[in-house]
Amino acid sequence: MPFAGDDARVAQLQSLTGFLTALALFLFVGLLRRALSTRRVNLAVKQFFDELGAPQRLLFLYLVARLAGFFWQNEFHPAVAHGIETASRFFGIIAVLRLGDSLAFAFIRWRGRVGMPRILRSLGVWAITFLCAAVLLRVEYKLDLSSLFATSALLSVVLGFALQETLGNLFAGLTLHAEQPFEAGEWVSFGKYCGRILDVGWRSTRLITVDEDELLVPNSLISREVVINHMRPQLTDVIELMITVDLDVTPARAKAVLLEAVKSCPLVLPIPEPVVQMASFTADGVHYRIKLHTESVLVERKALDQVQEAIWYALRRAAIDIPYPQTTVSVRERAPEAEDRRRREHRAEAEDLLGRIDFVQALSAPGRKVLIERARFLEYGPGQAIVRQGEQGDTLYLVARGEVGVLIHAEGAADKEVARLGRGALFGEMSVLTGDPRTATVVAMGDAGLLAVDRDAFERILSAEPDLAQNLADVIARRRLALDAARATQQAPALEKESSNLLSRIRDIFGFRRPGDKAIG
């Protein structure tokens, strides 16, 4: 027959075992959170780290309650000691349940499976917590909570008013879970908020914004707003922006320039194709609506930056003005004087740059004047292509400001930079004078200003002075042979042959013959 002292010792042993087990779990959770704290860049790891916080705090409360019972049990009133003992049991049970829940769902996520929605997990945890509390109160204090709620109408009214907002968030969360207007990982906008969904809780929805800030938005607020899901029905993101162009520019030309600028941006998807439409006429000018697609809303800011920068440079190259506000009348009045001054500066710079080119020096004075008058200044931004390898071209370029890179493309290999050209460098003359396709791609290495002369200017010169074609052919042939190191020792017959070949091609491209030449056929 067991003695009362034996029962007491068994109870103490069980209590000590429970305390040591809780201490071991508390240290385990602490070390696990410490290890996870160095890897919180991953959202799944951060979620697991946060979930372990609740069982760690509950285990700490259990240990504190147990220590208080061990050391000060005799000093407390029996009712207080009983309450501490009951509280420690409650903390211990809930801590073990919460820890098991966190570890189980972390394992499920690690295996790559879809776990239970957080709102259902939260409701389950709260239901188990309430059930444990009810059982402990009934066992230890003979208190029946069901009868308390059933018989106290006043308590029900008080709780209803006190939990009105909380219950609203709860039912809104259940509605969101049932309708599923969005899922974890999708980008959404509602009201003034925009971000990627992390999860939907029983009270709020967690989002990560583009600026990497975490938002907790009450579910009841989301249920009252219009929700825009940026990843349904398609994963790509649609961007629309408005650009104002001067009224004097024809719609066809404005659309062509804007569309070319948008298509040149790497972040803009080629399919579906960008669209440029005329939106409206205003006092400032014509508004054009541009619609384009990007991979996701995550790159929207970068895409807008690329597109607007490309449009600025494209409009500048095409000499199309973005209208200034009409309220500043003085600016509009001084515009002609500013334009005239800029034209004089460009003419002087064109005369200086063109005067350094050997085949331009071979032209007559009237011919050089035509080139200077027809020269245009164009601006390009970093990385923008000026000419592309293999394309036909009717414009030659002189670098007036900045640097450009010359790239050669080989089949199956990336573009290779073979040279950089600075102020005064010339490229593209063979395409203009002979019709050859571009032999390389030239891109701006930074902000670059270029002097451009088109084929029409040379056509006007050679139609008036056909004999100048021979001078051009001689100079260009001499330049081509001088640039080829392997053929540096060419003799006069090779030079004469190269000059004759170039002369024939110049005549073909500009469509004229010398007097006395017979037409073929």
Protein backbone atom coordinates (compact mmCIF):
# COMPACT_ATOMS: atom_id res chain seq x y z
CA MET A 1 0.00 0.00 0.00
CA PRO A 2 1.61 3.34 -1.17
CA PHE A 3 2.32 6.06 1.37
CA ALA A 4 1.37 9.73 1.00
CA GLY A 5 5.06 10.65 1.00
CA ASP A 6 5.62 8.48 -2.04
CA ASP A 7 2.86 10.30 -3.93
CA ALA A 8 4.44 13.65 -3.04
CA ARG A 9 7.84 12.53 -4.27
CA VAL A 10 6.33 11.25 -7.54
CA ALA A 11 4.54 14.57 -8.03
CA GLN A 12 7.77 16.51 -7.35
CA LEU A 13 9.68 14.27 -9.77
CA GLN A 14 7.06 14.83 -12.47
CA SER A 15 7.12 18.57 -11.83
CA LEU A 16 10.94 18.64 -12.06
CA THR A 17 10.86 16.57 -15.26
CA GLY A 18 8.34 18.96 -16.79
CA PHE A 19 10.45 21.95 -15.75
CA LEU A 20 13.66 20.51 -17.25
CA THR A 21 11.83 19.55 -20.45
CA ALA A 22 10.43 23.06 -20.78
CA LEU A 23 13.89 24.52 -20.10
CA ALA A 24 15.40 22.31 -22.82
CA LEU A 25 12.68 23.36 -25.29
CA PHE A 26 13.17 27.02 -24.36
CA LEU A 27 16.93 26.77 -25.04
CA PHE A 28 16.29 24.84 -28.28
CA VAL A 29 13.87 27.48 -29.57
CA GLY A 30 16.26 30.26 -28.54
CA LEU A 31 19.20 28.69 -30.38
CA LEU A 32 17.02 27.99 -33.42
CA ARG A 33 15.83 31.62 -33.61
CA ARG A 34 19.40 32.83 -33.17
CA ALA A 35 20.49 30.68 -36.13
CA LEU A 36 17.55 31.88 -38.23
CA SER A 37 18.21 35.55 -37.44
CA THR A 38 21.24 35.51 -39.77
CA ARG A 39 19.13 34.24 -42.69
CA ARG A 40 16.05 36.44 -42.43
CA VAL A 41 16.44 37.76 -45.99
CA ASN A 42 14.38 34.76 -47.10
CA LEU A 43 10.67 35.43 -46.47
CA ALA A 44 9.93 31.80 -45.55
CA VAL A 45 12.74 31.84 -42.98
CA LYS A 46 11.52 35.18 -41.62
CA GLN A 47 8.00 33.75 -41.25
CA PHE A 48 9.35 30.68 -39.36
CA PHE A 49 11.44 33.01 -37.17
CA ASP A 50 8.36 35.07 -36.27
CA GLU A 51 6.23 31.98 -35.60
CA LEU A 52 8.75 30.65 -33.05
CA GLY A 53 8.43 33.84 -31.01
CA ALA A 54 5.06 32.86 -29.46
CA PRO A 55 6.12 29.40 -28.13
CA GLN A 56 9.36 30.89 -26.82
CA ARG A 57 7.47 33.52 -24.81
CA LEU A 58 4.97 30.92 -23.52
CA LEU A 59 7.80 28.62 -22.42
CA PHE A 60 9.41 31.54 -20.60
CA LEU A 61 6.14 32.25 -18.75
CA TYR A 62 5.83 28.55 -17.85
CA LEU A 63 9.38 28.52 -16.40
CA VAL A 64 8.75 31.72 -14.41
CA ALA A 65 5.51 30.31 -12.99
CA ARG A 66 7.23 27.04 -12.05
CA LEU A 67 10.13 28.82 -10.36
CA ALA A 68 7.70 30.96 -8.41
CA GLY A 69 5.93 27.80 -7.26
CA PHE A 70 9.20 26.09 -6.26
CA PHE A 71 10.68 28.91 -4.20
CA TRP A 72 7.70 30.84 -2.82
CA GLN A 73 4.92 28.28 -2.66
CA ASN A 74 4.73 28.37 1.17
CA GLU A 75 4.69 32.17 1.23
CA PHE A 76 1.66 32.50 -1.07
CA HIS A 77 -1.99 32.16 -0.11
CA PRO A 78 -3.25 28.71 -1.18
CA ALA A 79 -5.59 30.27 -3.74
CA VAL A 80 -2.70 32.25 -5.27
CA ALA A 81 -0.46 29.18 -5.33
CA HIS A 82 -3.27 27.22 -7.01
CA GLY A 83 -3.67 29.98 -9.61
CA ILE A 84 0.06 30.01 -10.37
CA GLU A 85 0.03 26.22 -10.77
CA THR A 86 -2.96 26.39 -13.16
CA ALA A 87 -1.37 29.22 -15.18
CA SER A 88 1.89 27.27 -15.54
CA ARG A 89 -0.02 24.26 -16.89
CA PHE A 90 -1.88 26.47 -19.36
CA PHE A 91 1.35 28.14 -20.58
CA GLY A 92 3.09 24.80 -20.94
CA ILE A 93 0.30 23.11 -22.90
CA ILE A 94 -0.17 26.03 -25.30
CA ALA A 95 3.60 26.44 -25.75
CA VAL A 96 4.00 22.80 -26.81
CA LEU A 97 1.01 23.05 -29.18
CA ARG A 98 2.29 26.27 -30.78
CA LEU A 99 5.81 24.87 -31.13
CA GLY A 100 4.48 21.71 -32.78
CA ASP A 101 2.33 23.80 -35.13
CA SER A 102 5.32 25.97 -36.19
CA LEU A 103 7.66 23.01 -36.74
CA ALA A 104 5.06 21.01 -38.67
CA PHE A 105 4.18 23.79 -41.10
CA ALA A 106 7.85 24.76 -41.51
CA PHE A 107 8.51 21.16 -42.58
CA ILE A 108 5.59 21.32 -45.03
CA ARG A 109 6.94 24.55 -46.58
CA TRP A 110 10.43 23.03 -46.76
CA ARG A 111 9.03 20.07 -48.72
CA GLY A 112 7.55 22.57 -51.19
CA ARG A 113 3.92 21.78 -50.42
CA VAL A 114 1.12 24.29 -49.96
CA GLY A 115 0.28 24.64 -46.28
CA MET A 116 -2.95 25.66 -44.58
CA PRO A 117 -3.86 29.36 -45.01
CA ARG A 118 -2.71 31.44 -42.05
CA ILE A 119 -6.23 32.59 -41.22
CA LEU A 120 -7.37 28.98 -40.70
CA ARG A 121 -4.24 28.24 -38.67
CA SER A 122 -4.87 31.28 -36.49
CA LEU A 123 -8.50 30.33 -35.93
CA GLY A 124 -7.43 26.78 -35.05
CA VAL A 125 -4.83 28.02 -32.57
CA TRP A 126 -7.32 30.36 -30.90
CA ALA A 127 -9.94 27.62 -30.73
CA ILE A 128 -7.49 25.17 -29.10
CA THR A 129 -6.31 27.88 -26.69
CA PHE A 130 -9.88 28.66 -25.64
CA LEU A 131 -10.67 24.94 -25.30
CA CYS A 132 -7.61 24.34 -23.09
CA ALA A 133 -8.52 27.33 -20.92
CA ALA A 134 -12.11 26.07 -20.57
CA VAL A 135 -10.98 22.55 -19.63
CA LEU A 136 -8.47 23.81 -17.04
CA LEU A 137 -11.03 26.15 -15.48
CA ARG A 138 -13.58 23.37 -15.32
CA VAL A 139 -11.12 20.84 -13.82
CA GLU A 140 -9.39 23.17 -11.36
CA TYR A 141 -12.19 25.59 -10.43
CA LYS A 142 -15.35 23.73 -11.48
CA LEU A 143 -16.20 26.72 -13.70
CA ASP A 144 -18.49 26.07 -16.69
CA LEU A 145 -17.92 28.83 -19.30
CA SER A 146 -20.74 27.65 -21.56
CA SER A 147 -23.36 28.30 -18.91
CA LEU A 148 -21.76 31.65 -18.13
CA PHE A 149 -22.14 32.84 -21.75
CA ALA A 150 -25.59 31.30 -22.14
CA THR A 151 -27.07 32.97 -19.06
CA SER A 152 -25.35 36.36 -19.21
CA ALA A 153 -27.07 38.46 -21.86
CA LEU A 154 -25.31 41.59 -20.58
CA LEU A 155 -21.89 39.99 -21.00
CA SER A 156 -22.77 38.97 -24.56
CA VAL A 157 -23.77 42.55 -25.43
CA VAL A 158 -20.59 43.98 -23.89
CA LEU A 159 -18.38 41.50 -25.73
CA GLY A 160 -20.26 42.14 -28.97
CA PHE A 161 -19.59 45.87 -28.81
CA ALA A 162 -15.99 45.41 -27.63
CA LEU A 163 -15.16 42.94 -30.39
CA GLN A 164 -17.12 44.62 -33.16
CA GLU A 165 -14.07 45.72 -35.18
CA THR A 166 -12.18 42.50 -34.48
CA LEU A 167 -15.13 40.37 -35.59
CA GLY A 168 -15.47 42.56 -38.70
CA ASN A 169 -11.84 41.86 -39.60
CA LEU A 170 -12.33 38.15 -38.87
CA PHE A 171 -15.36 37.76 -41.13
CA ALA A 172 -13.72 39.91 -43.83
CA GLY A 173 -10.68 37.59 -43.68
CA LEU A 174 -12.93 34.54 -44.02
CA THR A 175 -14.61 36.18 -47.04
CA LEU A 176 -11.25 36.91 -48.65
CA HIS A 177 -10.21 33.32 -48.05
CA ALA A 178 -13.44 32.00 -49.59
CA GLU A 179 -13.44 34.28 -52.66
CA GLN A 180 -9.62 34.27 -53.10
CA PRO A 181 -9.28 37.56 -55.03
CA PHE A 182 -5.51 37.12 -54.52
CA GLU A 183 -3.03 34.54 -53.30
CA ALA A 184 0.35 34.68 -51.58
CA GLY A 185 3.00 35.97 -53.98
CA GLU A 186 0.66 38.04 -56.17
CA TRP A 187 0.96 41.82 -56.62
CA VAL A 188 -2.21 43.76 -55.80
CA SER A 189 -3.39 47.34 -55.31
CA PHE A 190 -6.29 48.60 -53.21
CA GLY A 191 -6.84 52.16 -52.12
CA LYS A 192 -3.44 53.79 -51.60
CA TYR A 193 -1.67 50.49 -50.95
CA CYS A 194 0.26 48.37 -53.43
CA GLY A 195 2.45 45.35 -52.74
CA ARG A 196 3.04 41.61 -52.91
CA ILE A 197 0.81 39.44 -50.71
CA LEU A 198 2.60 37.48 -47.98
CA ASP A 199 -0.43 35.95 -46.25
CA VAL A 200 -3.97 36.64 -45.07
CA GLY A 201 -4.44 36.49 -41.29
CA TRP A 202 -7.61 36.51 -39.20
CA ARG A 203 -7.26 40.24 -38.52
CA SER A 204 -5.05 41.68 -41.28
CA THR A 205 -3.28 40.96 -44.56
CA ARG A 206 0.49 41.29 -44.82
CA LEU A 207 2.13 42.85 -47.88
CA ILE A 208 5.64 43.73 -49.02
CA THR A 209 5.83 46.97 -51.02
CA VAL A 210 8.20 47.79 -53.88
CA ASP A 211 10.31 49.67 -51.31
CA GLU A 212 10.67 46.44 -49.25
CA ASP A 213 8.41 47.76 -46.46
CA GLU A 214 5.99 45.41 -44.71
CA LEU A 215 2.37 46.55 -44.45
CA LEU A 216 -0.36 45.15 -42.20
CA VAL A 217 -3.72 46.16 -43.71
CA PRO A 218 -6.95 45.35 -41.79
CA ASN A 219 -9.11 42.85 -43.67
CA SER A 220 -12.20 44.99 -43.21
CA LEU A 221 -10.46 47.85 -45.06
CA ILE A 222 -9.61 45.57 -48.00
CA SER A 223 -13.20 44.30 -48.20
CA ARG A 224 -14.42 47.90 -48.69
CA GLU A 225 -11.91 48.75 -51.45
CA VAL A 226 -11.66 47.89 -55.13
CA VAL A 227 -8.90 45.28 -55.39
CA ILE A 228 -6.69 45.27 -58.50
CA ASN A 229 -4.75 42.04 -59.03
CA HIS A 230 -1.78 42.85 -61.29
CA MET A 231 -1.11 39.16 -62.03
CA ARG A 232 -4.58 38.14 -63.25
CA PRO A 233 -5.65 37.21 -65.87
CA GLN A 234 -2.04 37.50 -67.13
CA LEU A 235 1.28 37.61 -65.32
CA THR A 236 2.62 40.62 -67.25
CA ASP A 237 2.08 44.16 -66.01
CA VAL A 238 0.49 46.85 -68.20
CA ILE A 239 1.80 50.43 -68.00
CA GLU A 240 0.08 53.45 -69.51
CA LEU A 241 1.61 56.92 -69.66
CA MET A 242 0.74 60.18 -71.35
CA ILE A 243 3.21 62.22 -73.40
CA THR A 244 2.46 65.73 -74.69
CA VAL A 245 3.85 66.69 -78.12
CA ASP A 246 3.77 70.01 -79.96
CA LEU A 247 0.68 70.65 -82.12
CA ASP A 248 2.83 71.33 -85.22
CA VAL A 249 4.08 67.73 -85.34
CA THR A 250 2.00 65.41 -87.53
CA PRO A 251 0.38 62.48 -85.68
CA ALA A 252 2.04 59.88 -87.90
CA ARG A 253 5.52 61.26 -87.23
CA ALA A 254 4.91 61.65 -83.49
CA LYS A 255 3.58 58.08 -83.20
CA ALA A 256 6.52 56.66 -85.16
CA VAL A 257 9.11 58.42 -82.98
CA LEU A 258 7.40 57.46 -79.72
CA LEU A 259 6.89 53.83 -80.76
CA GLU A 260 10.51 53.43 -81.83
CA ALA A 261 11.70 54.86 -78.51
CA VAL A 262 9.48 52.51 -76.47
CA LYS A 263 10.51 49.42 -78.46
CA SER A 264 14.20 50.19 -77.85
CA CYS A 265 13.83 49.67 -74.06
CA PRO A 266 15.00 46.22 -72.82
CA LEU A 267 12.36 46.01 -70.07
CA VAL A 268 9.48 46.49 -72.51
CA LEU A 269 8.11 43.17 -73.78
CA PRO A 270 7.97 42.84 -77.59
CA ILE A 271 4.77 40.77 -77.32
CA PRO A 272 2.14 42.14 -76.80
CA GLU A 273 3.48 45.02 -78.87
CA PRO A 274 3.50 48.55 -77.42
CA VAL A 275 0.72 50.82 -78.67
CA VAL A 276 0.77 54.60 -79.21
CA GLN A 277 -2.59 56.36 -79.59
CA MET A 278 -3.66 59.98 -79.85
CA ALA A 279 -5.60 60.74 -76.68
CA SER A 280 -6.70 64.39 -76.79
CA PHE A 281 -5.97 67.98 -77.84
CA THR A 282 -5.21 70.48 -75.09
CA ALA A 283 -3.88 74.00 -74.80
CA ASP A 284 -0.41 72.55 -74.19
CA GLY A 285 -0.34 70.29 -77.25
CA VAL A 286 -1.43 66.82 -78.31
CA HIS A 287 -1.60 64.10 -75.65
CA TYR A 288 -0.47 60.64 -76.78
CA ARG A 289 -1.32 57.55 -74.72
CA ILE A 290 1.41 54.88 -74.64
CA LYS A 291 0.51 51.36 -73.55
CA LEU A 292 3.24 48.78 -72.95
CA HIS A 293 3.83 45.49 -71.10
CA THR A 294 6.57 44.50 -68.66
CA GLU A 295 7.36 41.19 -66.95
CA SER A 296 5.80 42.21 -63.61
CA VAL A 297 4.85 45.18 -61.48
CA LEU A 298 8.16 44.69 -59.66
CA VAL A 299 10.07 46.27 -62.57
CA GLU A 300 7.48 48.99 -63.26
CA ARG A 301 9.61 51.83 -61.87
CA LYS A 302 12.71 50.76 -63.81
CA ALA A 303 10.66 50.32 -66.97
CA LEU A 304 9.12 53.79 -66.63
CA ASP A 305 12.59 55.27 -66.13
CA GLN A 306 13.90 53.53 -69.27
CA VAL A 307 10.88 54.46 -71.38
CA GLN A 308 10.76 58.13 -70.39
CA GLU A 309 14.51 58.54 -70.86
CA ALA A 310 14.33 56.91 -74.31
CA ILE A 311 11.38 59.14 -75.28
CA TRP A 312 13.25 62.29 -74.20
CA TYR A 313 16.25 61.46 -76.35
CA ALA A 314 14.12 60.31 -79.29
CA LEU A 315 12.08 63.54 -79.31
CA ARG A 316 15.27 65.57 -78.99
CA ARG A 317 16.86 63.76 -81.96
CA ALA A 318 13.72 64.25 -84.05
CA ALA A 319 13.64 67.98 -83.15
CA ILE A 320 10.18 67.56 -81.59
CA ASP A 321 9.49 69.82 -78.63
CA ILE A 322 7.74 68.79 -75.44
CA PRO A 323 5.63 71.93 -74.92
CA TYR A 324 6.39 74.19 -71.99
CA PRO A 325 3.53 75.49 -69.81
CA GLN A 326 1.71 78.25 -71.68
CA THR A 327 1.42 80.38 -68.54
CA THR A 328 5.04 81.62 -68.85
CA VAL A 329 4.58 83.99 -71.78
CA SER A 330 8.14 85.35 -71.56
CA VAL A 331 9.56 81.92 -72.37
CA ARG A 332 7.51 81.69 -75.55
CA GLU A 333 8.55 85.20 -76.59
CA ARG A 334 12.28 84.46 -76.16
CA ALA A 335 12.11 81.09 -77.94
CA PRO A 336 12.94 82.44 -81.46
CA GLU A 337 16.04 84.27 -80.18
CA ALA A 338 17.23 81.19 -78.31
CA GLU A 339 16.61 78.99 -81.35
CA ASP A 340 18.51 81.40 -83.60
CA ARG A 341 21.47 81.48 -81.20
CA ARG A 342 21.51 77.68 -80.99
CA ARG A 343 21.37 77.44 -84.79
CA ARG A 344 24.39 79.75 -85.12
CA GLU A 345 26.35 77.73 -82.57
CA HIS A 346 25.51 74.47 -84.32
CA ARG A 347 26.50 75.90 -87.70
CA ALA A 348 29.88 77.00 -86.35
CA GLU A 349 30.50 73.62 -84.75
CA ALA A 350 29.39 71.79 -87.93
CA GLU A 351 31.79 73.90 -89.99
CA ASP A 352 34.64 73.08 -87.58
CA LEU A 353 33.95 69.31 -87.45
CA LEU A 354 33.28 68.84 -91.17
CA GLY A 355 36.33 70.90 -92.07
CA ARG A 356 38.56 68.24 -90.48
CA ILE A 357 37.29 65.40 -92.73
CA ASP A 358 39.51 64.66 -95.73
CA PHE A 359 36.79 63.80 -98.25
CA VAL A 360 34.83 66.92 -97.24
CA GLN A 361 37.96 68.96 -97.99
CA ALA A 362 37.86 67.45 -101.50
CA LEU A 363 34.50 69.15 -102.12
CA SER A 364 34.13 72.62 -103.58
CA ALA A 365 33.25 75.59 -101.36
CA PRO A 366 29.56 75.53 -102.44
CA GLY A 367 29.46 71.79 -101.73
CA ARG A 368 30.87 72.23 -98.21
CA LYS A 369 28.31 74.96 -97.60
CA VAL A 370 25.49 72.59 -98.53
CA LEU A 371 26.80 69.96 -96.11
CA ILE A 372 27.05 72.50 -93.28
CA GLU A 373 23.50 73.75 -93.90
CA ARG A 374 22.05 70.24 -94.02
CA ALA A 375 23.90 68.97 -90.93
CA ARG A 376 21.74 68.11 -87.90
CA PHE A 377 22.71 67.72 -84.24
CA LEU A 378 21.30 64.63 -82.50
CA GLU A 379 21.51 63.54 -78.87
CA TYR A 380 21.68 59.96 -77.57
CA GLY A 381 21.56 58.56 -74.04
CA PRO A 382 23.76 55.89 -72.40
CA GLY A 383 23.48 52.52 -74.14
CA GLN A 384 21.27 53.74 -76.99
CA ALA A 385 22.14 52.39 -80.44
CA ILE A 386 23.02 54.96 -83.14
CA VAL A 387 23.49 52.49 -86.00
CA ARG A 388 23.11 48.69 -86.04
CA GLN A 389 25.26 46.16 -87.83
CA GLY A 390 23.72 44.81 -91.04
CA GLU A 391 21.13 47.59 -91.44
CA GLN A 392 20.97 49.89 -94.46
CA GLY A 393 21.83 53.50 -93.71
CA ASP A 394 21.60 56.89 -95.37
CA THR A 395 23.30 59.04 -92.69
CA LEU A 396 26.93 59.56 -91.64
CA TYR A 397 27.85 60.78 -88.17
CA LEU A 398 30.55 62.88 -86.51
CA VAL A 399 31.03 62.73 -82.75
CA ALA A 400 30.61 66.26 -81.36
CA ARG A 401 30.38 65.45 -77.65
CA GLY A 402 30.91 62.39 -75.48
CA GLU A 403 32.06 58.93 -76.55
CA VAL A 404 30.58 56.12 -78.65
CA GLY A 405 31.53 52.44 -78.71
CA VAL A 406 31.93 50.31 -81.83
CA LEU A 407 30.59 46.75 -81.41
CA ILE A 408 31.01 43.78 -83.76
CA HIS A 409 28.51 40.91 -83.65
CA ALA A 410 29.59 37.37 -84.50
CA GLU A 411 27.26 34.40 -84.86
CA GLY A 412 26.85 32.51 -81.58
CA ALA A 413 28.82 35.08 -79.56
CA ALA A 414 28.09 38.27 -77.64
CA ASP A 415 28.79 41.67 -79.16
CA LYS A 416 32.46 42.61 -78.81
CA GLU A 417 33.63 46.19 -78.37
CA VAL A 418 36.47 46.89 -80.81
CA ALA A 419 36.90 50.66 -80.50
CA ARG A 420 35.78 53.85 -78.83
CA LEU A 421 35.39 57.08 -80.72
CA GLY A 422 35.61 60.60 -79.32
CA ARG A 423 35.08 64.12 -80.60
CA GLY A 424 35.76 64.52 -84.33
CA ALA A 425 35.52 60.79 -85.13
CA LEU A 426 33.57 59.86 -88.26
CA PHE A 427 31.53 56.73 -88.97
CA GLY A 428 28.83 55.60 -91.42
CA GLU A 429 30.25 57.28 -94.54
CA MET A 430 30.43 54.07 -96.63
CA SER A 431 26.72 53.37 -96.17
CA VAL A 432 25.89 56.90 -97.34
CA LEU A 433 28.19 57.03 -100.36
CA THR A 434 28.13 53.42 -101.60
CA GLY A 435 24.96 51.90 -100.11
CA ASP A 436 26.88 49.24 -98.14
CA PRO A 437 25.10 47.91 -95.04
CA ARG A 438 26.44 48.97 -91.66
CA THR A 439 29.52 46.93 -90.74
CA ALA A 440 29.23 47.47 -86.98
CA THR A 441 26.87 48.59 -84.24
CA VAL A 442 27.67 51.94 -82.65
CA VAL A 443 26.21 52.84 -79.22
CA ALA A 444 26.50 55.88 -76.98
CA MET A 445 28.69 55.22 -73.92
CA GLY A 446 27.13 58.15 -72.07
CA ASP A 447 25.32 61.33 -73.08
CA ALA A 448 26.55 61.87 -76.63
CA GLY A 449 26.00 64.65 -79.17
CA LEU A 450 26.40 63.76 -82.86
CA LEU A 451 26.50 65.71 -86.10
CA ALA A 452 24.48 63.87 -88.77
CA VAL A 453 24.57 64.41 -92.55
CA ASP A 454 22.19 62.43 -94.77
CA ARG A 455 22.60 61.12 -98.32
CA ASP A 456 20.30 63.79 -99.75
CA ALA A 457 22.94 66.47 -99.03
CA PHE A 458 25.56 64.60 -101.11
CA GLU A 459 23.00 63.98 -103.83
CA ARG A 460 22.42 67.74 -104.17
CA ILE A 461 26.18 68.37 -104.34
CA LEU A 462 26.98 65.65 -106.88
CA SER A 463 23.98 66.45 -109.07
CA ALA A 464 25.37 69.99 -109.41
CA GLU A 465 29.04 68.93 -109.73
CA PRO A 466 29.28 65.31 -110.98
CA ASP A 467 33.08 65.52 -111.36
CA LEU A 468 33.44 65.74 -107.57
CA ALA A 469 32.55 62.03 -107.42
CA GLN A 470 36.06 61.20 -108.69
CA ASN A 471 37.65 63.29 -105.93
CA LEU A 472 35.47 61.59 -103.31
CA ALA A 473 36.32 58.15 -104.63
CA ASP A 474 40.07 58.89 -104.61
CA VAL A 475 40.04 60.21 -101.03
CA ILE A 476 37.90 57.39 -99.63
CA ALA A 477 39.93 54.73 -101.44
CA ARG A 478 43.12 56.21 -99.98
CA ARG A 479 41.59 56.17 -96.50
CA ARG A 480 40.42 52.55 -96.78
CA LEU A 481 43.79 51.31 -97.95
CA ALA A 482 45.63 53.27 -95.27
CA LEU A 483 43.48 51.74 -92.54
CA ASP A 484 44.28 48.19 -93.63
CA ALA A 485 47.67 47.38 -92.10
CA ALA A 486 48.02 44.20 -94.13
CA ARG A 487 47.78 46.15 -97.33
CA ALA A 488 49.96 49.11 -96.32
CA THR A 489 52.35 48.44 -99.23
CA GLN A 490 49.70 48.63 -101.97
CA GLN A 491 50.99 50.09 -105.18
CA ALA A 492 49.39 52.71 -107.38
CA PRO A 493 47.51 50.23 -109.60
CA ALA A 494 45.68 48.80 -106.54
CA LEU A 495 44.80 52.30 -105.42
CA GLU A 496 43.55 53.17 -108.92
CA LYS A 497 41.49 49.98 -109.03
CA GLU A 498 39.95 50.63 -105.59
CA SER A 499 39.20 54.25 -106.58
CA SER A 500 37.55 53.13 -109.80
CA ASN A 501 35.44 50.58 -107.96
CA LEU A 502 34.27 53.15 -105.39
CA LEU A 503 33.53 55.70 -108.14
CA SER A 504 31.30 53.18 -109.89
CA ARG A 505 29.39 52.44 -106.69
CA ILE A 506 28.99 56.15 -105.85
CA ARG A 507 27.55 56.77 -109.30
CA ASP A 508 25.19 53.82 -108.92
CA ILE A 509 23.88 54.90 -105.51
CA PHE A 510 23.34 58.54 -106.60
CA GLY A 511 22.06 57.59 -110.07
CA PHE A 512 24.21 59.71 -112.41
CA ARG A 513 26.84 59.11 -115.14
CA ARG A 514 29.59 61.21 -116.60
CA PRO A 515 28.88 62.91 -119.92
CA GLY A 516 29.62 60.45 -122.68
CA ASP A 517 28.89 57.30 -120.63
CA LYS A 518 26.56 54.95 -122.45
CA ALA A 519 23.57 53.45 -120.77
CA ILE A 520 23.69 49.69 -120.47
CA GLY A 521 21.05 47.90 -122.48
